[in-house]
C-alpha atoms as a PDB file:
ATOM      1  CA  MET A   1       0.000   0.000   0.000  1.00  0.00           C
ATOM      2  CA  TYR A   2       1.318   3.423  -0.998  1.00  0.00           C
ATOM      3  CA  GLN A   3       0.406   6.159   1.478  1.00  0.00           C
ATOM      4  CA  THR A   4       2.523   9.221   0.670  1.00  0.00           C
ATOM      5  CA  ILE A   5       4.653   9.343  -2.502  1.00  0.00           C
ATOM      6  CA  ILE A   6       4.923   6.942  -5.437  1.00  0.00           C
ATOM      7  CA  GLY A   7       7.431   6.963  -8.278  1.00  0.00           C
ATOM      8  CA  VAL A   8       6.732   6.820 -11.996  1.00  0.00           C
ATOM      9  CA  ASP A   9       8.174   3.305 -12.290  1.00  0.00           C
ATOM     10  CA  GLU A  10       5.866   1.918  -9.598  1.00  0.00           C
ATOM     11  CA  LEU A  11       2.789   3.495 -11.184  1.00  0.00           C
ATOM     12  CA  SER A  12       3.753   2.388 -14.687  1.00  0.00           C
ATOM     13  CA  THR A  13       4.184  -1.196 -13.488  1.00  0.00           C
ATOM     14  CA  ASN A  14       0.706  -1.209 -11.926  1.00  0.00           C
ATOM     15  CA  ILE A  15      -1.198   1.027 -14.354  1.00  0.00           C
ATOM     16  CA  ASP A  16      -3.435  -1.800 -15.635  1.00  0.00           C
ATOM     17  CA  ARG A  17      -4.555  -3.013 -12.217  1.00  0.00           C
ATOM     18  CA  ARG A  18      -8.305  -2.793 -11.714  1.00  0.00           C
ATOM     19  CA  ASP A  19      -7.841  -2.086  -8.017  1.00  0.00           C
ATOM     20  CA  TRP A  20      -5.823   1.103  -8.709  1.00  0.00           C
ATOM     21  CA  ILE A  21      -7.526   4.451  -9.379  1.00  0.00           C
ATOM     22  CA  VAL A  22      -5.568   7.304 -10.963  1.00  0.00           C
ATOM     23  CA  VAL A  23      -6.800  10.887 -10.528  1.00  0.00           C
ATOM     24  CA  ASP A  24      -5.618  13.941 -12.473  1.00  0.00           C
ATOM     25  CA  CYS A  25      -5.703  17.104 -10.319  1.00  0.00           C
ATOM     26  CA  ARG A  26      -4.047  19.562 -12.666  1.00  0.00           C
ATOM     27  CA  TYR A  27      -5.253  23.085 -11.938  1.00  0.00           C
ATOM     28  CA  ASP A  28      -4.102  26.662 -12.443  1.00  0.00           C
ATOM     29  CA  LEU A  29      -5.351  29.283  -9.976  1.00  0.00           C
ATOM     30  CA  ALA A  30      -4.891  31.977 -12.637  1.00  0.00           C
ATOM     31  CA  GLU A  31      -6.843  30.001 -15.282  1.00  0.00           C
ATOM     32  CA  PRO A  32      -9.222  27.680 -13.424  1.00  0.00           C
ATOM     33  CA  SER A  33     -10.600  25.955 -16.536  1.00  0.00           C
ATOM     34  CA  SER A  34      -7.193  25.120 -18.028  1.00  0.00           C
ATOM     35  CA  GLY A  35      -6.549  21.997 -15.946  1.00  0.00           C
ATOM     36  CA  TYR A  36      -9.604  20.217 -17.281  1.00  0.00           C
ATOM     37  CA  GLN A  37      -8.767  21.281 -20.838  1.00  0.00           C
ATOM     38  CA  TYR A  38      -5.240  19.895 -20.489  1.00  0.00           C
ATOM     39  CA  TYR A  39      -6.756  16.699 -19.107  1.00  0.00           C
ATOM     40  CA  LEU A  40      -9.031  16.326 -22.141  1.00  0.00           C
ATOM     41  CA  GLU A  41      -6.093  16.861 -24.474  1.00  0.00           C
ATOM     42  CA  SER A  42      -3.874  14.272 -22.789  1.00  0.00           C
ATOM     43  CA  HIS A  43      -3.678  12.465 -19.455  1.00  0.00           C
ATOM     44  CA  ILE A  44      -2.227   9.339 -17.882  1.00  0.00           C
ATOM     45  CA  VAL A  45      -4.100   6.402 -19.309  1.00  0.00           C
ATOM     46  CA  GLY A  46      -7.127   5.514 -17.188  1.00  0.00           C
ATOM     47  CA  ALA A  47      -7.102   8.711 -15.108  1.00  0.00           C
ATOM     48  CA  VAL A  48     -10.268  10.502 -14.052  1.00  0.00           C
ATOM     49  CA  TYR A  49     -10.295  14.249 -13.385  1.00  0.00           C
ATOM     50  CA  ALA A  50     -10.875  16.117 -10.101  1.00  0.00           C
ATOM     51  CA  ASP A  51     -11.350  19.887 -10.214  1.00  0.00           C
ATOM     52  CA  LEU A  52     -10.096  21.935  -7.273  1.00  0.00           C
ATOM     53  CA  THR A  53     -13.056  24.309  -7.284  1.00  0.00           C
ATOM     54  CA  THR A  54     -16.024  22.099  -8.182  1.00  0.00           C
ATOM     55  CA  ASP A  55     -14.873  18.757  -6.725  1.00  0.00           C
ATOM     56  CA  LEU A  56     -12.311  19.379  -3.980  1.00  0.00           C
ATOM     57  CA  SER A  57     -14.035  22.443  -2.532  1.00  0.00           C
ATOM     58  CA  GLY A  58     -17.596  22.987  -1.353  1.00  0.00           C
ATOM     59  CA  ARG A  59     -20.027  25.451   0.122  1.00  0.00           C
ATOM     60  CA  PRO A  60     -18.774  27.150   3.302  1.00  0.00           C
ATOM     61  CA  VAL A  61     -19.521  25.002   6.347  1.00  0.00           C
ATOM     62  CA  SER A  62     -16.445  24.469   8.506  1.00  0.00           C
ATOM     63  CA  ASP A  63     -14.620  27.443   7.016  1.00  0.00           C
ATOM     64  CA  HIS A  64     -15.163  30.453   4.780  1.00  0.00           C
ATOM     65  CA  GLY A  65     -11.928  30.631   2.799  1.00  0.00           C
ATOM     66  CA  ARG A  66     -11.546  30.700  -0.973  1.00  0.00           C
ATOM     67  CA  HIS A  67     -11.655  26.896  -1.200  1.00  0.00           C
ATOM     68  CA  PRO A  68     -13.891  25.699   1.649  1.00  0.00           C
ATOM     69  CA  LEU A  69     -13.677  22.034   2.597  1.00  0.00           C
ATOM     70  CA  PRO A  70     -16.441  19.881   1.099  1.00  0.00           C
ATOM     71  CA  THR A  71     -18.819  18.208   3.521  1.00  0.00           C
ATOM     72  CA  ALA A  72     -18.358  14.527   4.313  1.00  0.00           C
ATOM     73  CA  VAL A  73     -21.516  13.773   2.309  1.00  0.00           C
ATOM     74  CA  LYS A  74     -20.128  15.498  -0.791  1.00  0.00           C
ATOM     75  CA  LEU A  75     -16.775  13.735  -0.450  1.00  0.00           C
ATOM     76  CA  CYS A  76     -18.408  10.310  -0.145  1.00  0.00           C
ATOM     77  CA  LYS A  77     -20.407  10.986  -3.317  1.00  0.00           C
ATOM     78  CA  LEU A  78     -17.337  12.264  -5.153  1.00  0.00           C
ATOM     79  CA  PHE A  79     -15.086   9.368  -4.212  1.00  0.00           C
ATOM     80  CA  SER A  80     -17.866   6.907  -5.005  1.00  0.00           C
ATOM     81  CA  SER A  81     -18.196   8.411  -8.498  1.00  0.00           C
ATOM     82  CA  PHE A  82     -14.455   7.938  -9.036  1.00  0.00           C
ATOM     83  CA  GLY A  83     -14.753   4.234  -8.230  1.00  0.00           C
ATOM     84  CA  ILE A  84     -12.913   4.496  -4.913  1.00  0.00           C
ATOM     85  CA  ASP A  85     -13.754   2.045  -2.159  1.00  0.00           C
ATOM     86  CA  ALA A  86     -11.830   0.435   0.687  1.00  0.00           C
ATOM     87  CA  GLY A  87     -10.031  -1.966  -1.650  1.00  0.00           C
ATOM     88  CA  LYS A  88      -8.646   0.639  -4.039  1.00  0.00           C
ATOM     89  CA  GLN A  89      -5.176   2.139  -4.200  1.00  0.00           C
ATOM     90  CA  VAL A  90      -5.495   5.777  -5.294  1.00  0.00           C
ATOM     91  CA  ILE A  91      -2.722   7.623  -7.135  1.00  0.00           C
ATOM     92  CA  ILE A  92      -2.989  11.374  -7.636  1.00  0.00           C
ATOM     93  CA  TYR A  93      -0.955  13.610  -9.903  1.00  0.00           C
ATOM     94  CA  ASP A  94      -0.821  17.218 -11.063  1.00  0.00           C
ATOM     95  CA  ALA A  95       1.588  19.463 -12.956  1.00  0.00           C
ATOM     96  CA  SER A  96       2.720  21.505  -9.955  1.00  0.00           C
ATOM     97  CA  SER A  97       4.886  19.113  -7.923  1.00  0.00           C
ATOM     98  CA  GLY A  98       1.948  17.988  -5.804  1.00  0.00           C
ATOM     99  CA  ALA A  99       0.677  21.456  -4.824  1.00  0.00           C
ATOM    100  CA  MET A 100      -2.852  20.625  -6.026  1.00  0.00           C
ATOM    101  CA  GLY A 101      -2.789  16.847  -5.727  1.00  0.00           C
ATOM    102  CA  ALA A 102      -1.904  17.030  -2.041  1.00  0.00           C
ATOM    103  CA  ARG A 103      -5.333  18.542  -1.386  1.00  0.00           C
ATOM    104  CA  MET A 104      -7.100  15.413  -2.634  1.00  0.00           C
ATOM    105  CA  TRP A 105      -4.531  13.212  -0.853  1.00  0.00           C
ATOM    106  CA  TRP A 106      -5.398  14.962   2.409  1.00  0.00           C
ATOM    107  CA  LEU A 107      -9.162  14.814   1.791  1.00  0.00           C
ATOM    108  CA  LEU A 108      -9.064  11.061   1.234  1.00  0.00           C
ATOM    109  CA  ARG A 109      -7.083  10.515   4.421  1.00  0.00           C
ATOM    110  CA  TYR A 110      -9.374  12.936   6.262  1.00  0.00           C
ATOM    111  CA  MET A 111     -12.236  10.634   5.238  1.00  0.00           C
ATOM    112  CA  GLY A 112     -10.366   7.546   6.450  1.00  0.00           C
ATOM    113  CA  HIS A 113      -8.878   6.202   3.192  1.00  0.00           C
ATOM    114  CA  GLU A 114      -5.202   5.402   3.786  1.00  0.00           C
ATOM    115  CA  ALA A 115      -4.211   3.842   0.436  1.00  0.00           C
ATOM    116  CA  VAL A 116      -3.518   7.087  -1.404  1.00  0.00           C
ATOM    117  CA  ALA A 117      -0.275   8.535  -2.752  1.00  0.00           C
ATOM    118  CA  VAL A 118       0.900  11.445  -4.908  1.00  0.00           C
ATOM    119  CA  LEU A 119       2.971  10.798  -8.023  1.00  0.00           C
ATOM    120  CA  ASP A 120       6.465  12.176  -7.473  1.00  0.00           C
ATOM    121  CA  GLY A 121       7.298  14.588 -10.293  1.00  0.00           C
ATOM    122  CA  GLY A 122       3.720  14.481 -11.510  1.00  0.00           C
ATOM    123  CA  TRP A 123       2.629  14.884 -15.117  1.00  0.00           C
ATOM    124  CA  GLN A 124       6.043  16.144 -16.222  1.00  0.00           C
ATOM    125  CA  ALA A 125       7.810  13.027 -14.902  1.00  0.00           C
ATOM    126  CA  TRP A 126       5.291  10.758 -16.644  1.00  0.00           C
ATOM    127  CA  GLN A 127       5.621  12.627 -19.928  1.00  0.00           C
ATOM    128  CA  SER A 128       9.415  12.691 -19.814  1.00  0.00           C
ATOM    129  CA  ARG A 129       9.425   8.884 -19.798  1.00  0.00           C
ATOM    130  CA  GLY A 130       7.092   8.656 -22.790  1.00  0.00           C
ATOM    131  CA  LEU A 131       4.606   6.516 -20.848  1.00  0.00           C
ATOM    132  CA  ALA A 132       1.031   5.706 -21.826  1.00  0.00           C
ATOM    133  CA  VAL A 133      -1.409   8.601 -22.217  1.00  0.00           C
ATOM    134  CA  GLU A 134      -4.858   9.054 -23.708  1.00  0.00           C
ATOM    135  CA  ALA A 135      -7.233  11.886 -24.637  1.00  0.00           C
ATOM    136  CA  GLY A 136     -10.880  12.550 -23.801  1.00  0.00           C
ATOM    137  CA  GLU A 137     -12.757  11.973 -20.577  1.00  0.00           C
ATOM    138  CA  ARG A 138     -12.565   8.774 -18.570  1.00  0.00           C
ATOM    139  CA  LYS A 139     -15.323   7.666 -16.190  1.00  0.00           C
ATOM    140  CA  ASN A 140     -15.014   4.808 -13.697  1.00  0.00           C
ATOM    141  CA  ASP A 141     -17.852   2.578 -12.591  1.00  0.00           C
ATOM    142  CA  PRO A 142     -19.287   4.039  -9.385  1.00  0.00           C
ATOM    143  CA  VAL A 143     -18.935   2.138  -6.124  1.00  0.00           C
ATOM    144  CA  ALA A 144     -19.901   2.806  -2.521  1.00  0.00           C
ATOM    145  CA  PHE A 145     -17.253   4.841  -0.715  1.00  0.00           C
ATOM    146  CA  ILE A 146     -17.809   4.603   3.021  1.00  0.00           C
ATOM    147  CA  GLY A 147     -15.914   6.976   5.265  1.00  0.00           C
ATOM    148  CA  SER A 148     -16.280   9.527   8.010  1.00  0.00           C
ATOM    149  CA  ALA A 149     -14.506  12.819   8.592  1.00  0.00           C
ATOM    150  CA  ARG A 150     -11.622  12.992  11.039  1.00  0.00           C
ATOM    151  CA  ASN A 151     -12.742  16.336  12.428  1.00  0.00           C
ATOM    152  CA  GLU A 152      -9.942  16.269  14.995  1.00  0.00           C
ATOM    153  CA  TRP A 153      -7.593  16.997  12.067  1.00  0.00           C
ATOM    154  CA  LEU A 154      -9.245  20.389  11.533  1.00  0.00           C
ATOM    155  CA  VAL A 155      -8.813  23.682  13.344  1.00  0.00           C
ATOM    156  CA  THR A 156     -11.386  26.439  12.952  1.00  0.00           C
ATOM    157  CA  ILE A 157     -10.684  30.166  12.922  1.00  0.00           C
ATOM    158  CA  ASP A 158     -11.431  30.690  16.626  1.00  0.00           C
ATOM    159  CA  LYS A 159      -8.969  27.953  17.676  1.00  0.00           C
ATOM    160  CA  VAL A 160      -6.034  28.784  15.392  1.00  0.00           C
ATOM    161  CA  CYS A 161      -4.088  30.951  17.803  1.00  0.00           C
ATOM    162  CA  GLN A 162      -4.320  28.320  20.535  1.00  0.00           C
ATOM    163  CA  SER A 163      -1.806  26.214  18.626  1.00  0.00           C
ATOM    164  CA  PRO A 164       1.717  26.163  20.096  1.00  0.00           C
ATOM    165  CA  LEU A 165       3.088  26.228  16.528  1.00  0.00           C
ATOM    166  CA  LEU A 166       1.412  27.690  13.452  1.00  0.00           C
ATOM    167  CA  VAL A 167       3.090  27.146  10.053  1.00  0.00           C
ATOM    168  CA  ASP A 168       2.303  29.251   6.964  1.00  0.00           C
ATOM    169  CA  ALA A 169       2.920  27.381   3.679  1.00  0.00           C
ATOM    170  CA  ARG A 170       2.879  30.396   1.347  1.00  0.00           C
ATOM    171  CA  ASP A 171       6.010  31.842  -0.208  1.00  0.00           C
ATOM    172  CA  ALA A 172       8.086  34.226   1.869  1.00  0.00           C
ATOM    173  CA  ALA A 173       6.956  37.397   0.064  1.00  0.00           C
ATOM    174  CA  ARG A 174       3.293  36.699   0.725  1.00  0.00           C
ATOM    175  CA  TYR A 175       3.991  35.651   4.310  1.00  0.00           C
ATOM    176  CA  SER A 176       5.911  38.857   5.020  1.00  0.00           C
ATOM    177  CA  GLY A 177       3.258  41.007   3.382  1.00  0.00           C
ATOM    178  CA  GLU A 178       5.521  42.335   0.620  1.00  0.00           C
ATOM    179  CA  VAL A 179       3.021  41.174  -2.018  1.00  0.00           C
ATOM    180  CA  GLU A 180      -0.491  39.755  -2.022  1.00  0.00           C
ATOM    181  CA  PRO A 181      -1.752  38.773  -5.479  1.00  0.00           C
ATOM    182  CA  VAL A 182      -4.974  37.057  -4.386  1.00  0.00           C
ATOM    183  CA  ASP A 183      -6.402  38.139  -1.046  1.00  0.00           C
ATOM    184  CA  PRO A 184      -7.485  41.677   0.003  1.00  0.00           C
ATOM    185  CA  VAL A 185      -4.970  42.037   2.855  1.00  0.00           C
ATOM    186  CA  ALA A 186      -1.243  41.218   2.907  1.00  0.00           C
ATOM    187  CA  GLY A 187       0.580  39.614   5.816  1.00  0.00           C
ATOM    188  CA  HIS A 188       0.239  36.577   8.050  1.00  0.00           C
ATOM    189  CA  ILE A 189      -1.448  35.363  11.218  1.00  0.00           C
ATOM    190  CA  PRO A 190       0.461  36.709  14.242  1.00  0.00           C
ATOM    191  CA  GLY A 191       2.822  34.133  15.711  1.00  0.00           C
ATOM    192  CA  ALA A 192       3.011  31.987  12.588  1.00  0.00           C
ATOM    193  CA  ILE A 193       6.335  30.915  11.147  1.00  0.00           C
ATOM    194  CA  ASN A 194       6.954  30.422   7.439  1.00  0.00           C
ATOM    195  CA  HIS A 195       7.765  27.142   5.708  1.00  0.00           C
ATOM    196  CA  CYS A 196       6.871  27.453   2.042  1.00  0.00           C
ATOM    197  CA  TRP A 197       5.645  24.193   0.495  1.00  0.00           C
ATOM    198  CA  LYS A 198       8.315  24.499  -2.201  1.00  0.00           C
ATOM    199  CA  GLU A 199      10.961  23.847   0.453  1.00  0.00           C
ATOM    200  CA  ASN A 200       9.790  20.221   0.461  1.00  0.00           C
ATOM    201  CA  LEU A 201      11.116  19.797  -3.070  1.00  0.00           C
ATOM    202  CA  ALA A 202      14.438  19.321  -4.795  1.00  0.00           C
ATOM    203  CA  GLU A 203      15.417  21.504  -7.764  1.00  0.00           C
ATOM    204  CA  ASN A 204      13.874  18.996 -10.180  1.00  0.00           C
ATOM    205  CA  GLY A 205      10.436  19.339  -8.584  1.00  0.00           C
ATOM    206  CA  HIS A 206      10.554  15.942  -6.871  1.00  0.00           C
ATOM    207  CA  PHE A 207      10.122  15.517  -3.129  1.00  0.00           C
ATOM    208  CA  LEU A 208      13.171  15.502  -0.911  1.00  0.00           C
ATOM    209  CA  ASP A 209      13.876  12.064   0.505  1.00  0.00           C
ATOM    210  CA  SER A 210      12.125  11.075   3.716  1.00  0.00           C
ATOM    211  CA  GLU A 211      15.266  11.430   5.869  1.00  0.00           C
ATOM    212  CA  ARG A 212      15.882  15.026   4.773  1.00  0.00           C
ATOM    213  CA  LEU A 213      12.228  15.895   5.286  1.00  0.00           C
ATOM    214  CA  HIS A 214      12.358  14.352   8.757  1.00  0.00           C
ATOM    215  CA  GLN A 215      15.374  16.498   9.643  1.00  0.00           C
ATOM    216  CA  GLN A 216      13.732  19.583   8.190  1.00  0.00           C
ATOM    217  CA  PHE A 217      10.468  19.264  10.116  1.00  0.00           C
ATOM    218  CA  SER A 218      12.171  18.122  13.300  1.00  0.00           C
ATOM    219  CA  ARG A 219      14.068  21.424  13.289  1.00  0.00           C
ATOM    220  CA  ILE A 220      10.845  23.344  12.664  1.00  0.00           C
ATOM    221  CA  TYR A 221       8.942  21.542  15.410  1.00  0.00           C
ATOM    222  CA  ALA A 222      11.675  21.744  18.041  1.00  0.00           C
ATOM    223  CA  ASP A 223       9.882  20.761  21.265  1.00  0.00           C
ATOM    224  CA  THR A 224       6.330  20.974  19.865  1.00  0.00           C
ATOM    225  CA  ALA A 225       4.453  17.679  19.554  1.00  0.00           C
ATOM    226  CA  PRO A 226       3.746  17.035  15.824  1.00  0.00           C
ATOM    227  CA  GLU A 227       0.056  16.440  16.511  1.00  0.00           C
ATOM    228  CA  GLN A 228      -0.267  19.989  17.892  1.00  0.00           C
ATOM    229  CA  VAL A 229       1.201  21.775  14.866  1.00  0.00           C
ATOM    230  CA  VAL A 230      -1.305  23.651  12.673  1.00  0.00           C
ATOM    231  CA  PHE A 231      -0.662  24.302   8.981  1.00  0.00           C
ATOM    232  CA  TYR A 232      -2.308  26.935   6.809  1.00  0.00           C
ATOM    233  CA  CYS A 233      -1.721  28.727   3.502  1.00  0.00           C
ATOM    234  CA  GLY A 234      -3.880  30.967   1.326  1.00  0.00           C
ATOM    235  CA  SER A 235      -6.951  28.762   1.066  1.00  0.00           C
ATOM    236  CA  GLY A 236      -6.154  25.370   2.579  1.00  0.00           C
ATOM    237  CA  VAL A 237      -4.554  23.838  -0.535  1.00  0.00           C
ATOM    238  CA  THR A 238      -0.749  24.084  -0.420  1.00  0.00           C
ATOM    239  CA  ALA A 239      -0.826  23.616   3.366  1.00  0.00           C
ATOM    240  CA  CYS A 240      -1.713  20.017   2.471  1.00  0.00           C
ATOM    241  CA  HIS A 241       1.635  19.772   0.651  1.00  0.00           C
ATOM    242  CA  ASN A 242       3.365  20.377   3.981  1.00  0.00           C
ATOM    243  CA  LEU A 243       1.138  17.753   5.606  1.00  0.00           C
ATOM    244  CA  LEU A 244       2.050  15.290   2.842  1.00  0.00           C
ATOM    245  CA  ALA A 245       5.746  16.024   3.365  1.00  0.00           C
ATOM    246  CA  VAL A 246       5.320  15.496   7.114  1.00  0.00           C
ATOM    247  CA  ALA A 247       3.707  12.113   6.477  1.00  0.00           C
ATOM    248  CA  HIS A 248       6.469  11.162   4.014  1.00  0.00           C
ATOM    249  CA  ALA A 249       8.980  12.095   6.721  1.00  0.00           C
ATOM    250  CA  GLY A 250       7.372   9.508   8.982  1.00  0.00           C
ATOM    251  CA  LEU A 251       6.042  12.037  11.487  1.00  0.00           C
ATOM    252  CA  PRO A 252       2.534  12.030  13.000  1.00  0.00           C
ATOM    253  CA  ALA A 253      -0.104  14.125  11.264  1.00  0.00           C
ATOM    254  CA  GLY A 254      -0.540  17.762  12.217  1.00  0.00           C
ATOM    255  CA  LYS A 255      -3.726  19.764  11.834  1.00  0.00           C
ATOM    256  CA  LEU A 256      -5.105  21.893   9.002  1.00  0.00           C
ATOM    257  CA  TYR A 257      -6.630  25.349   9.279  1.00  0.00           C
ATOM    258  CA  ALA A 258      -8.627  25.031   6.065  1.00  0.00           C
ATOM    259  CA  GLY A 259      -9.962  28.585   5.986  1.00  0.00           C
ATOM    260  CA  SER A 260      -6.367  29.820   6.036  1.00  0.00           C
ATOM    261  CA  TRP A 261      -5.312  33.373   5.242  1.00  0.00           C
ATOM    262  CA  SER A 262      -8.242  33.987   2.855  1.00  0.00           C
ATOM    263  CA  GLU A 263     -10.681  33.512   5.722  1.00  0.00           C
ATOM    264  CA  TRP A 264      -8.571  35.140   8.446  1.00  0.00           C
ATOM    265  CA  CYS A 265      -7.889  38.396   6.587  1.00  0.00           C
ATOM    266  CA  ARG A 266     -11.531  38.899   5.591  1.00  0.00           C
ATOM    267  CA  GLU A 267     -12.929  38.734   9.108  1.00  0.00           C
ATOM    268  CA  ALA A 268     -13.078  42.145  10.741  1.00  0.00           C
ATOM    269  CA  GLY A 269     -10.933  42.601  13.816  1.00  0.00           C
ATOM    270  CA  ARG A 270      -8.490  39.760  13.173  1.00  0.00           C
ATOM    271  CA  PRO A 271      -4.907  40.969  13.781  1.00  0.00           C
ATOM    272  CA  VAL A 272      -2.380  40.961  10.943  1.00  0.00           C
ATOM    273  CA  ALA A 273       1.389  40.603  11.205  1.00  0.00           C
ATOM    274  CA  ARG A 274       3.944  41.622   8.577  1.00  0.00           C
ATOM    275  CA  GLY A 275       7.663  41.175   8.175  1.00  0.00           C
ATOM    276  CA  PRO A 276      10.043  38.229   7.755  1.00  0.00           C
ATOM    277  CA  LYS A 277       9.800  35.078   9.785  1.00  0.00           C
ATOM    278  CA  PRO A 278      11.281  35.350  13.283  1.00  0.00           C
ATOM    279  CA  LEU A 279      14.776  34.054  13.899  1.00  0.00           C
END
């Protein structure tokens, strides 16, 4: 069972297995419809498509960020439509080194499905090897996905600042408030430190090995218990990349503040911090 990262060779070897489900999560925040268009043009053979906005987000219930978490009912219906049940190994890929795919990885685990992994190197790694692709839309036979939400993995806006360690996954310029291309206010939640999701990757866009990730997050955590660490980003998407890296490092799961900066900065009276991460 693959639970964090899988390589191209392992996926290629198992691509014809009926108990494996491949999901394409390519998405561009600047051009939301482009991911699906790229999927229709060419995708890993057998892959179905999951859209960040329509599939992996939902109406505001637990949070009011730009990409609110779907309800458990919606997720069960979605995963059922993809053909995912307890006996399926799910492999997710995107074209952004796991930045989008990690969201679906986290959602499946949040709903209790452990056999899910993100393709290391994503679409680019698959293409570079000249492996099997197809065009058009693929649909799997629906099954009954049965799961329940691990609500203890979530932190809501009123509980965020109770965390002993809050980690912002955005890039340093957005964290410090130098720029803010998406949300109405620049800066970060007071007390948060910055660990951009891209720091989990090597120069080639593949994940660092598990030992290096373990060292990296152990330094970040210091004396804080991993289970008490809360991760956030702009809208609860790339924070999941940090959570995936933590799992690949062999550390216990932290928590997600799904509303993230997009929710925090829109609520009147919430304090805003600016400047580089503390030493």
